[in-house]
Amino acid sequence: LPAAAADGAAAATLTPDVVHAGTAWIRRARAAAGLSTEDYAVVVEGTTPADDPEAARGVTEAWRAAGATWWIEADWSVPADDVRAYAEQRLAAGPPR
C-alpha cells in the first residue's frame, strides 16, 4: 500500500487483522440489511515462497483465517524483464495448499 492516501492521510498497512476487522464489519452490515455473505469474495494479493510449500501455506492460511476467499500471487518488485520467468516459477510451484 502507498505510504499516504491521495488526500495526504496515512494509509494503513493491509494485514490479516485488518482484513478480519473488515470482513466482520461487512458481515454485520450485510446481515443488518438482510443480505448474505455466502457469495461475497474477499481478494488479497501478495507473495509466497515458490520453493517452500509449507511456508507458502502459512502465509495464505493467515489470510484465509482472516476472511479472505481468494489469493493472488503478485510480486510487484519483479523487474519487467524477469516477469515471465517469475510467473513460470510460480506456476510450476502450484498453489499453496
Foldseek 3Di string as FASTA:
>chain_A
DDQADPVRHGDDDDDLVVLLVVVVVVCVVQVVVVHDCPVPAAEDEEAADLVDLVRQLVVVVSNVVSPHDYYHYDDPVDDPVCVVVVVVSNVVSPHND
